[in-house]
Amino acid sequence: TRMHEVIITPDAKITILVVQNAKD
């Protein structure tokens, strides 16, 4: 979005969800 970026990386055992500032 204009304010945030969500990156989700799943694998067979765990999933990592990261919310980061997306202001460029």
mmCIF file of all heavy atoms, coordinates in Angstrom:
data_MODEL
# 
_entry.id   MODEL 
# 
loop_
_atom_site.group_PDB 
_atom_site.id 
_atom_site.type_symbol 
_atom_site.label_atom_id 
_atom_site.label_alt_id 
_atom_site.label_comp_id 
_atom_site.label_asym_id 
_atom_site.label_entity_id 
_atom_site.label_seq_id 
_atom_site.pdbx_PDB_ins_code 
_atom_site.Cartn_x 
_atom_site.Cartn_y 
_atom_site.Cartn_z 
_atom_site.occupancy 
_atom_site.B_iso_or_equiv 
_atom_site.pdbx_formal_charge 
_atom_site.auth_seq_id 
_atom_site.auth_comp_id 
_atom_site.auth_asym_id 
_atom_site.auth_atom_id 
_atom_site.pdbx_PDB_model_num 
ATOM 1   N N   . THR A 1 1  ? 0.872  -1.172  0.000  1.00 0.00 ? 1  THR A N   1 
ATOM 2   C CA  . THR A 1 1  ? 0.000  0.000   0.000  1.00 0.00 ? 1  THR A CA  1 
ATOM 3   C C   . THR A 1 1  ? 0.907  1.218   0.000  1.00 0.00 ? 1  THR A C   1 
ATOM 4   O O   . THR A 1 1  ? 2.137  1.088   -0.028 1.00 0.00 ? 1  THR A O   1 
ATOM 5   C CB  . THR A 1 1  ? -0.909 0.024   1.250  1.00 0.00 ? 1  THR A CB  1 
ATOM 6   O OG1 . THR A 1 1  ? -0.099 0.241   2.405  1.00 0.00 ? 1  THR A OG1 1 
ATOM 7   C CG2 . THR A 1 1  ? -1.694 -1.272  1.378  1.00 0.00 ? 1  THR A CG2 1 
ATOM 8   N N   . ARG A 1 2  ? 0.336  2.397   0.087  1.00 0.00 ? 2  ARG A N   1 
ATOM 9   C CA  . ARG A 1 2  ? 1.175  3.596   0.124  1.00 0.00 ? 2  ARG A CA  1 
ATOM 10  C C   . ARG A 1 2  ? 2.004  3.666   1.400  1.00 0.00 ? 2  ARG A C   1 
ATOM 11  O O   . ARG A 1 2  ? 3.082  4.236   1.417  1.00 0.00 ? 2  ARG A O   1 
ATOM 12  C CB  . ARG A 1 2  ? 0.310  4.851   0.013  1.00 0.00 ? 2  ARG A CB  1 
ATOM 13  C CG  . ARG A 1 2  ? -0.221 5.044   -1.394 1.00 0.00 ? 2  ARG A CG  1 
ATOM 14  C CD  . ARG A 1 2  ? -1.009 6.314   -1.552 1.00 0.00 ? 2  ARG A CD  1 
ATOM 15  N NE  . ARG A 1 2  ? -0.176 7.479   -1.272 1.00 0.00 ? 2  ARG A NE  1 
ATOM 16  C CZ  . ARG A 1 2  ? -0.646 8.598   -0.753 1.00 0.00 ? 2  ARG A CZ  1 
ATOM 17  N NH1 . ARG A 1 2  ? -1.913 8.715   -0.441 1.00 0.00 ? 2  ARG A NH1 1 
ATOM 18  N NH2 . ARG A 1 2  ? 0.159  9.618   -0.548 1.00 0.00 ? 2  ARG A NH2 1 
ATOM 19  N N   . MET A 1 3  ? 1.507  3.098   2.480  1.00 0.00 ? 3  MET A N   1 
ATOM 20  C CA  . MET A 1 3  ? 2.175  3.224   3.772  1.00 0.00 ? 3  MET A CA  1 
ATOM 21  C C   . MET A 1 3  ? 2.957  1.974   4.197  1.00 0.00 ? 3  MET A C   1 
ATOM 22  O O   . MET A 1 3  ? 3.943  2.085   4.912  1.00 0.00 ? 3  MET A O   1 
ATOM 23  C CB  . MET A 1 3  ? 1.149  3.548   4.861  1.00 0.00 ? 3  MET A CB  1 
ATOM 24  C CG  . MET A 1 3  ? 0.394  4.841   4.631  1.00 0.00 ? 3  MET A CG  1 
ATOM 25  S SD  . MET A 1 3  ? 1.466  6.275   4.717  1.00 0.00 ? 3  MET A SD  1 
ATOM 26  C CE  . MET A 1 3  ? 1.737  6.346   6.460  1.00 0.00 ? 3  MET A CE  1 
ATOM 27  N N   . HIS A 1 4  ? 2.479  0.798   3.817  1.00 0.00 ? 4  HIS A N   1 
ATOM 28  C CA  . HIS A 1 4  ? 3.079  -0.439  4.303  1.00 0.00 ? 4  HIS A CA  1 
ATOM 29  C C   . HIS A 1 4  ? 3.251  -1.455  3.180  1.00 0.00 ? 4  HIS A C   1 
ATOM 30  O O   . HIS A 1 4  ? 2.580  -1.388  2.159  1.00 0.00 ? 4  HIS A O   1 
ATOM 31  C CB  . HIS A 1 4  ? 2.214  -1.075  5.400  1.00 0.00 ? 4  HIS A CB  1 
ATOM 32  C CG  . HIS A 1 4  ? 2.152  -0.258  6.630  1.00 0.00 ? 4  HIS A CG  1 
ATOM 33  N ND1 . HIS A 1 4  ? 1.110  0.612   6.881  1.00 0.00 ? 4  HIS A ND1 1 
ATOM 34  C CD2 . HIS A 1 4  ? 3.001  -0.146  7.667  1.00 0.00 ? 4  HIS A CD2 1 
ATOM 35  C CE1 . HIS A 1 4  ? 1.320  1.208   8.033  1.00 0.00 ? 4  HIS A CE1 1 
ATOM 36  N NE2 . HIS A 1 4  ? 2.468  0.778   8.534  1.00 0.00 ? 4  HIS A NE2 1 
ATOM 37  N N   . GLU A 1 5  ? 4.120  -2.397  3.460  1.00 0.00 ? 5  GLU A N   1 
ATOM 38  C CA  . GLU A 1 5  ? 4.309  -3.540  2.587  1.00 0.00 ? 5  GLU A CA  1 
ATOM 39  C C   . GLU A 1 5  ? 4.309  -4.781  3.476  1.00 0.00 ? 5  GLU A C   1 
ATOM 40  O O   . GLU A 1 5  ? 4.937  -4.781  4.529  1.00 0.00 ? 5  GLU A O   1 
ATOM 41  C CB  . GLU A 1 5  ? 5.651  -3.407  1.865  1.00 0.00 ? 5  GLU A CB  1 
ATOM 42  C CG  . GLU A 1 5  ? 5.941  -4.530  0.925  1.00 0.00 ? 5  GLU A CG  1 
ATOM 43  C CD  . GLU A 1 5  ? 7.199  -4.256  0.126  1.00 0.00 ? 5  GLU A CD  1 
ATOM 44  O OE1 . GLU A 1 5  ? 8.245  -4.005  0.740  1.00 0.00 ? 5  GLU A OE1 1 
ATOM 45  O OE2 . GLU A 1 5  ? 7.111  -4.313  -1.103 1.00 0.00 ? 5  GLU A OE2 1 
ATOM 46  N N   . VAL A 1 6  ? 3.568  -5.793  3.059  1.00 0.00 ? 6  VAL A N   1 
ATOM 47  C CA  . VAL A 1 6  ? 3.522  -7.048  3.790  1.00 0.00 ? 6  VAL A CA  1 
ATOM 48  C C   . VAL A 1 6  ? 4.156  -8.111  2.903  1.00 0.00 ? 6  VAL A C   1 
ATOM 49  O O   . VAL A 1 6  ? 3.775  -8.273  1.744  1.00 0.00 ? 6  VAL A O   1 
ATOM 50  C CB  . VAL A 1 6  ? 2.068  -7.453  4.145  1.00 0.00 ? 6  VAL A CB  1 
ATOM 51  C CG1 . VAL A 1 6  ? 2.045  -8.787  4.856  1.00 0.00 ? 6  VAL A CG1 1 
ATOM 52  C CG2 . VAL A 1 6  ? 1.406  -6.377  4.985  1.00 0.00 ? 6  VAL A CG2 1 
ATOM 53  N N   . ILE A 1 7  ? 5.138  -8.795  3.455  1.00 0.00 ? 7  ILE A N   1 
ATOM 54  C CA  . ILE A 1 7  ? 5.820  -9.866  2.732  1.00 0.00 ? 7  ILE A CA  1 
ATOM 55  C C   . ILE A 1 7  ? 5.596  -11.153 3.508  1.00 0.00 ? 7  ILE A C   1 
ATOM 56  O O   . ILE A 1 7  ? 5.851  -11.220 4.714  1.00 0.00 ? 7  ILE A O   1 
ATOM 57  C CB  . ILE A 1 7  ? 7.326  -9.580  2.593  1.00 0.00 ? 7  ILE A CB  1 
ATOM 58  C CG1 . ILE A 1 7  ? 7.522  -8.269  1.836  1.00 0.00 ? 7  ILE A CG1 1 
ATOM 59  C CG2 . ILE A 1 7  ? 8.035  -10.738 1.893  1.00 0.00 ? 7  ILE A CG2 1 
ATOM 60  C CD1 . ILE A 1 7  ? 8.946  -7.782  1.827  1.00 0.00 ? 7  ILE A CD1 1 
ATOM 61  N N   . ILE A 1 8  ? 5.093  -12.164 2.809  1.00 0.00 ? 8  ILE A N   1 
ATOM 62  C CA  . ILE A 1 8  ? 4.780  -13.451 3.437  1.00 0.00 ? 8  ILE A CA  1 
ATOM 63  C C   . ILE A 1 8  ? 5.591  -14.520 2.720  1.00 0.00 ? 8  ILE A C   1 
ATOM 64  O O   . ILE A 1 8  ? 5.527  -14.642 1.496  1.00 0.00 ? 8  ILE A O   1 
ATOM 65  C CB  . ILE A 1 8  ? 3.279  -13.758 3.339  1.00 0.00 ? 8  ILE A CB  1 
ATOM 66  C CG1 . ILE A 1 8  ? 2.479  -12.640 4.004  1.00 0.00 ? 8  ILE A CG1 1 
ATOM 67  C CG2 . ILE A 1 8  ? 2.968  -15.109 3.961  1.00 0.00 ? 8  ILE A CG2 1 
ATOM 68  C CD1 . ILE A 1 8  ? 0.995  -12.698 3.711  1.00 0.00 ? 8  ILE A CD1 1 
ATOM 69  N N   . THR A 1 9  ? 6.361  -15.293 3.500  1.00 0.00 ? 9  THR A N   1 
ATOM 70  C CA  . THR A 1 9  ? 7.176  -16.360 2.925  1.00 0.00 ? 9  THR A CA  1 
ATOM 71  C C   . THR A 1 9  ? 6.891  -17.671 3.652  1.00 0.00 ? 9  THR A C   1 
ATOM 72  O O   . THR A 1 9  ? 7.413  -17.908 4.730  1.00 0.00 ? 9  THR A O   1 
ATOM 73  C CB  . THR A 1 9  ? 8.677  -16.027 3.015  1.00 0.00 ? 9  THR A CB  1 
ATOM 74  O OG1 . THR A 1 9  ? 8.995  -15.753 4.370  1.00 0.00 ? 9  THR A OG1 1 
ATOM 75  C CG2 . THR A 1 9  ? 9.044  -14.851 2.162  1.00 0.00 ? 9  THR A CG2 1 
ATOM 76  N N   . PRO A 1 10 ? 6.042  -18.502 3.066  1.00 0.00 ? 10 PRO A N   1 
ATOM 77  C CA  . PRO A 1 10 ? 5.753  -19.798 3.684  1.00 0.00 ? 10 PRO A CA  1 
ATOM 78  C C   . PRO A 1 10 ? 6.733  -20.864 3.229  1.00 0.00 ? 10 PRO A C   1 
ATOM 79  O O   . PRO A 1 10 ? 7.295  -20.786 2.135  1.00 0.00 ? 10 PRO A O   1 
ATOM 80  C CB  . PRO A 1 10 ? 4.347  -20.113 3.166  1.00 0.00 ? 10 PRO A CB  1 
ATOM 81  C CG  . PRO A 1 10 ? 4.295  -19.449 1.832  1.00 0.00 ? 10 PRO A CG  1 
ATOM 82  C CD  . PRO A 1 10 ? 5.190  -18.222 1.928  1.00 0.00 ? 10 PRO A CD  1 
ATOM 83  N N   . ASP A 1 11 ? 6.969  -21.845 4.093  1.00 0.00 ? 11 ASP A N   1 
ATOM 84  C CA  . ASP A 1 11 ? 7.648  -23.065 3.674  1.00 0.00 ? 11 ASP A CA  1 
ATOM 85  C C   . ASP A 1 11 ? 6.939  -24.222 4.357  1.00 0.00 ? 11 ASP A C   1 
ATOM 86  O O   . ASP A 1 11 ? 5.868  -24.051 4.922  1.00 0.00 ? 11 ASP A O   1 
ATOM 87  C CB  . ASP A 1 11 ? 9.164  -23.013 3.902  1.00 0.00 ? 11 ASP A CB  1 
ATOM 88  C CG  . ASP A 1 11 ? 9.588  -23.118 5.359  1.00 0.00 ? 11 ASP A CG  1 
ATOM 89  O OD1 . ASP A 1 11 ? 8.767  -23.466 6.221  1.00 0.00 ? 11 ASP A OD1 1 
ATOM 90  O OD2 . ASP A 1 11 ? 10.770 -22.863 5.637  1.00 0.00 ? 11 ASP A OD2 1 
ATOM 91  N N   . ALA A 1 12 ? 7.522  -25.385 4.314  1.00 0.00 ? 12 ALA A N   1 
ATOM 92  C CA  . ALA A 1 12 ? 6.835  -26.575 4.831  1.00 0.00 ? 12 ALA A CA  1 
ATOM 93  C C   . ALA A 1 12 ? 6.657  -26.553 6.342  1.00 0.00 ? 12 ALA A C   1 
ATOM 94  O O   . ALA A 1 12 ? 5.756  -27.194 6.865  1.00 0.00 ? 12 ALA A O   1 
ATOM 95  C CB  . ALA A 1 12 ? 7.590  -27.833 4.419  1.00 0.00 ? 12 ALA A CB  1 
ATOM 96  N N   . LYS A 1 13 ? 7.492  -25.821 7.066  1.00 0.00 ? 13 LYS A N   1 
ATOM 97  C CA  . LYS A 1 13 ? 7.444  -25.853 8.535  1.00 0.00 ? 13 LYS A CA  1 
ATOM 98  C C   . LYS A 1 13 ? 6.973  -24.557 9.168  1.00 0.00 ? 13 LYS A C   1 
ATOM 99  O O   . LYS A 1 13 ? 6.243  -24.587 10.147 1.00 0.00 ? 13 LYS A O   1 
ATOM 100 C CB  . LYS A 1 13 ? 8.835  -26.180 9.089  1.00 0.00 ? 13 LYS A CB  1 
ATOM 101 C CG  . LYS A 1 13 ? 9.381  -27.498 8.624  1.00 0.00 ? 13 LYS A CG  1 
ATOM 102 C CD  . LYS A 1 13 ? 9.001  -28.577 9.557  1.00 0.00 ? 13 LYS A CD  1 
ATOM 103 C CE  . LYS A 1 13 ? 9.643  -29.873 9.078  1.00 0.00 ? 13 LYS A CE  1 
ATOM 104 N NZ  . LYS A 1 13 ? 9.635  -30.898 10.020 1.00 0.00 ? 13 LYS A NZ  1 
ATOM 105 N N   . ILE A 1 14 ? 7.438  -23.417 8.651  1.00 0.00 ? 14 ILE A N   1 
ATOM 106 C CA  . ILE A 1 14 ? 7.057  -22.129 9.244  1.00 0.00 ? 14 ILE A CA  1 
ATOM 107 C C   . ILE A 1 14 ? 6.670  -21.143 8.151  1.00 0.00 ? 14 ILE A C   1 
ATOM 108 O O   . ILE A 1 14 ? 6.992  -21.344 6.977  1.00 0.00 ? 14 ILE A O   1 
ATOM 109 C CB  . ILE A 1 14 ? 8.192  -21.506 10.094 1.00 0.00 ? 14 ILE A CB  1 
ATOM 110 C CG1 . ILE A 1 14 ? 9.403  -21.160 9.236  1.00 0.00 ? 14 ILE A CG1 1 
ATOM 111 C CG2 . ILE A 1 14 ? 8.549  -22.395 11.279 1.00 0.00 ? 14 ILE A CG2 1 
ATOM 112 C CD1 . ILE A 1 14 ? 10.468 -20.348 9.944  1.00 0.00 ? 14 ILE A CD1 1 
ATOM 113 N N   . THR A 1 15 ? 5.971  -20.093 8.553  1.00 0.00 ? 15 THR A N   1 
ATOM 114 C CA  . THR A 1 15 ? 5.642  -18.984 7.663  1.00 0.00 ? 15 THR A CA  1 
ATOM 115 C C   . THR A 1 15 ? 6.080  -17.702 8.350  1.00 0.00 ? 15 THR A C   1 
ATOM 116 O O   . THR A 1 15 ? 5.805  -17.514 9.531  1.00 0.00 ? 15 THR A O   1 
ATOM 117 C CB  . THR A 1 15 ? 4.129  -18.942 7.369  1.00 0.00 ? 15 THR A CB  1 
ATOM 118 O OG1 . THR A 1 15 ? 3.768  -20.121 6.675  1.00 0.00 ? 15 THR A OG1 1 
ATOM 119 C CG2 . THR A 1 15 ? 3.764  -17.731 6.533  1.00 0.00 ? 15 THR A CG2 1 
ATOM 120 N N   . ILE A 1 16 ? 6.743  -16.847 7.610  1.00 0.00 ? 16 ILE A N   1 
ATOM 121 C CA  . ILE A 1 16 ? 7.193  -15.571 8.143  1.00 0.00 ? 16 ILE A CA  1 
ATOM 122 C C   . ILE A 1 16 ? 6.379  -14.471 7.470  1.00 0.00 ? 16 ILE A C   1 
ATOM 123 O O   . ILE A 1 16 ? 6.316  -14.400 6.244  1.00 0.00 ? 16 ILE A O   1 
ATOM 124 C CB  . ILE A 1 16 ? 8.691  -15.354 7.878  1.00 0.00 ? 16 ILE A CB  1 
ATOM 125 C CG1 . ILE A 1 16 ? 9.499  -16.515 8.446  1.00 0.00 ? 16 ILE A CG1 1 
ATOM 126 C CG2 . ILE A 1 16 ? 9.149  -14.016 8.454  1.00 0.00 ? 16 ILE A CG2 1 
ATOM 127 C CD1 . ILE A 1 16 ? 10.922 -16.569 7.974  1.00 0.00 ? 16 ILE A CD1 1 
ATOM 128 N N   . LEU A 1 17 ? 5.755  -13.635 8.282  1.00 0.00 ? 17 LEU A N   1 
ATOM 129 C CA  . LEU A 1 17 ? 4.990  -12.490 7.808  1.00 0.00 ? 17 LEU A CA  1 
ATOM 130 C C   . LEU A 1 17 ? 5.691  -11.242 8.335  1.00 0.00 ? 17 LEU A C   1 
ATOM 131 O O   . LEU A 1 17 ? 5.909  -11.112 9.538  1.00 0.00 ? 17 LEU A O   1 
ATOM 132 C CB  . LEU A 1 17 ? 3.550  -12.571 8.323  1.00 0.00 ? 17 LEU A CB  1 
ATOM 133 C CG  . LEU A 1 17 ? 2.599  -11.490 7.853  1.00 0.00 ? 17 LEU A CG  1 
ATOM 134 C CD1 . LEU A 1 17 ? 1.200  -12.072 7.714  1.00 0.00 ? 17 LEU A CD1 1 
ATOM 135 C CD2 . LEU A 1 17 ? 2.561  -10.308 8.790  1.00 0.00 ? 17 LEU A CD2 1 
ATOM 136 N N   . VAL A 1 18 ? 6.066  -10.342 7.431  1.00 0.00 ? 18 VAL A N   1 
ATOM 137 C CA  . VAL A 1 18 ? 6.779  -9.117  7.796  1.00 0.00 ? 18 VAL A CA  1 
ATOM 138 C C   . VAL A 1 18 ? 5.967  -7.920  7.322  1.00 0.00 ? 18 VAL A C   1 
ATOM 139 O O   . VAL A 1 18 ? 5.539  -7.873  6.170  1.00 0.00 ? 18 VAL A O   1 
ATOM 140 C CB  . VAL A 1 18 ? 8.177  -9.072  7.143  1.00 0.00 ? 18 VAL A CB  1 
ATOM 141 C CG1 . VAL A 1 18 ? 8.893  -7.779  7.463  1.00 0.00 ? 18 VAL A CG1 1 
ATOM 142 C CG2 . VAL A 1 18 ? 9.006  -10.269 7.557  1.00 0.00 ? 18 VAL A CG2 1 
ATOM 143 N N   . VAL A 1 19 ? 5.750  -6.965  8.222  1.00 0.00 ? 19 VAL A N   1 
ATOM 144 C CA  . VAL A 1 19 ? 5.126  -5.693  7.868  1.00 0.00 ? 19 VAL A CA  1 
ATOM 145 C C   . VAL A 1 19 ? 6.232  -4.655  7.918  1.00 0.00 ? 19 VAL A C   1 
ATOM 146 O O   . VAL A 1 19 ? 6.932  -4.536  8.931  1.00 0.00 ? 19 VAL A O   1 
ATOM 147 C CB  . VAL A 1 19 ? 4.000  -5.311  8.849  1.00 0.00 ? 19 VAL A CB  1 
ATOM 148 C CG1 . VAL A 1 19 ? 3.394  -3.960  8.472  1.00 0.00 ? 19 VAL A CG1 1 
ATOM 149 C CG2 . VAL A 1 19 ? 2.924  -6.393  8.889  1.00 0.00 ? 19 VAL A CG2 1 
ATOM 150 N N   . GLN A 1 20 ? 6.409  -3.933  6.814  1.00 0.00 ? 20 GLN A N   1 
ATOM 151 C CA  . GLN A 1 20 ? 7.452  -2.923  6.806  1.00 0.00 ? 20 GLN A CA  1 
ATOM 152 C C   . GLN A 1 20 ? 6.935  -1.610  6.245  1.00 0.00 ? 20 GLN A C   1 
ATOM 153 O O   . GLN A 1 20 ? 5.926  -1.579  5.543  1.00 0.00 ? 20 GLN A O   1 
ATOM 154 C CB  . GLN A 1 20 ? 8.679  -3.404  6.050  1.00 0.00 ? 20 GLN A CB  1 
ATOM 155 C CG  . GLN A 1 20 ? 8.462  -3.724  4.604  1.00 0.00 ? 20 GLN A CG  1 
ATOM 156 C CD  . GLN A 1 20 ? 9.702  -4.334  3.977  1.00 0.00 ? 20 GLN A CD  1 
ATOM 157 O OE1 . GLN A 1 20 ? 10.637 -4.736  4.646  1.00 0.00 ? 20 GLN A OE1 1 
ATOM 158 N NE2 . GLN A 1 20 ? 9.715  -4.411  2.669  1.00 0.00 ? 20 GLN A NE2 1 
ATOM 159 N N   . ASN A 1 21 ? 7.661  -0.561  6.560  1.00 0.00 ? 21 ASN A N   1 
ATOM 160 C CA  . ASN A 1 21 ? 7.344  0.770   6.078  1.00 0.00 ? 21 ASN A CA  1 
ATOM 161 C C   . ASN A 1 21 ? 7.628  0.796   4.583  1.00 0.00 ? 21 ASN A C   1 
ATOM 162 O O   . ASN A 1 21 ? 8.706  0.406   4.154  1.00 0.00 ? 21 ASN A O   1 
ATOM 163 C CB  . ASN A 1 21 ? 8.216  1.785   6.822  1.00 0.00 ? 21 ASN A CB  1 
ATOM 164 C CG  . ASN A 1 21 ? 7.891  3.200   6.450  1.00 0.00 ? 21 ASN A CG  1 
ATOM 165 O OD1 . ASN A 1 21 ? 7.523  3.500   5.336  1.00 0.00 ? 21 ASN A OD1 1 
ATOM 166 N ND2 . ASN A 1 21 ? 8.045  4.087   7.407  1.00 0.00 ? 21 ASN A ND2 1 
ATOM 167 N N   . ALA A 1 22 ? 6.672  1.271   3.794  1.00 0.00 ? 22 ALA A N   1 
ATOM 168 C CA  . ALA A 1 22 ? 6.842  1.271   2.341  1.00 0.00 ? 22 ALA A CA  1 
ATOM 169 C C   . ALA A 1 22 ? 6.962  2.674   1.773  1.00 0.00 ? 22 ALA A C   1 
ATOM 170 O O   . ALA A 1 22 ? 6.855  2.863   0.568  1.00 0.00 ? 22 ALA A O   1 
ATOM 171 C CB  . ALA A 1 22 ? 5.666  0.551   1.684  1.00 0.00 ? 22 ALA A CB  1 
ATOM 172 N N   . LYS A 1 23 ? 7.173  3.646   2.620  1.00 0.00 ? 23 LYS A N   1 
ATOM 173 C CA  . LYS A 1 23 ? 7.312  5.013   2.104  1.00 0.00 ? 23 LYS A CA  1 
ATOM 174 C C   . LYS A 1 23 ? 8.631  5.150   1.362  1.00 0.00 ? 23 LYS A C   1 
ATOM 175 O O   . LYS A 1 23 ? 9.694  4.940   1.918  1.00 0.00 ? 23 LYS A O   1 
ATOM 176 C CB  . LYS A 1 23 ? 7.257  6.027   3.238  1.00 0.00 ? 23 LYS A CB  1 
ATOM 177 C CG  . LYS A 1 23 ? 5.870  6.283   3.734  1.00 0.00 ? 23 LYS A CG  1 
ATOM 178 C CD  . LYS A 1 23 ? 5.864  7.528   4.575  1.00 0.00 ? 23 LYS A CD  1 
ATOM 179 C CE  . LYS A 1 23 ? 4.433  7.936   4.827  1.00 0.00 ? 23 LYS A CE  1 
ATOM 180 N NZ  . LYS A 1 23 ? 4.365  9.222   5.515  1.00 0.00 ? 23 LYS A NZ  1 
ATOM 181 N N   . ASP A 1 24 ? 8.540  5.471   0.101  1.00 0.00 ? 24 ASP A N   1 
ATOM 182 C CA  . ASP A 1 24 ? 9.715  5.685   -0.739 1.00 0.00 ? 24 ASP A CA  1 
ATOM 183 C C   . ASP A 1 24 ? 9.762  7.149   -1.142 1.00 0.00 ? 24 ASP A C   1 
ATOM 184 O O   . ASP A 1 24 ? 8.723  7.772   -1.368 1.00 0.00 ? 24 ASP A O   1 
ATOM 185 C CB  . ASP A 1 24 ? 9.647  4.832   -2.015 1.00 0.00 ? 24 ASP A CB  1 
ATOM 186 C CG  . ASP A 1 24 ? 9.781  3.358   -1.734 1.00 0.00 ? 24 ASP A CG  1 
ATOM 187 O OD1 . ASP A 1 24 ? 10.563 2.997   -0.834 1.00 0.00 ? 24 ASP A OD1 1 
ATOM 188 O OD2 . ASP A 1 24 ? 9.104  2.573   -2.407 1.00 0.00 ? 24 ASP A OD2 1 
# 
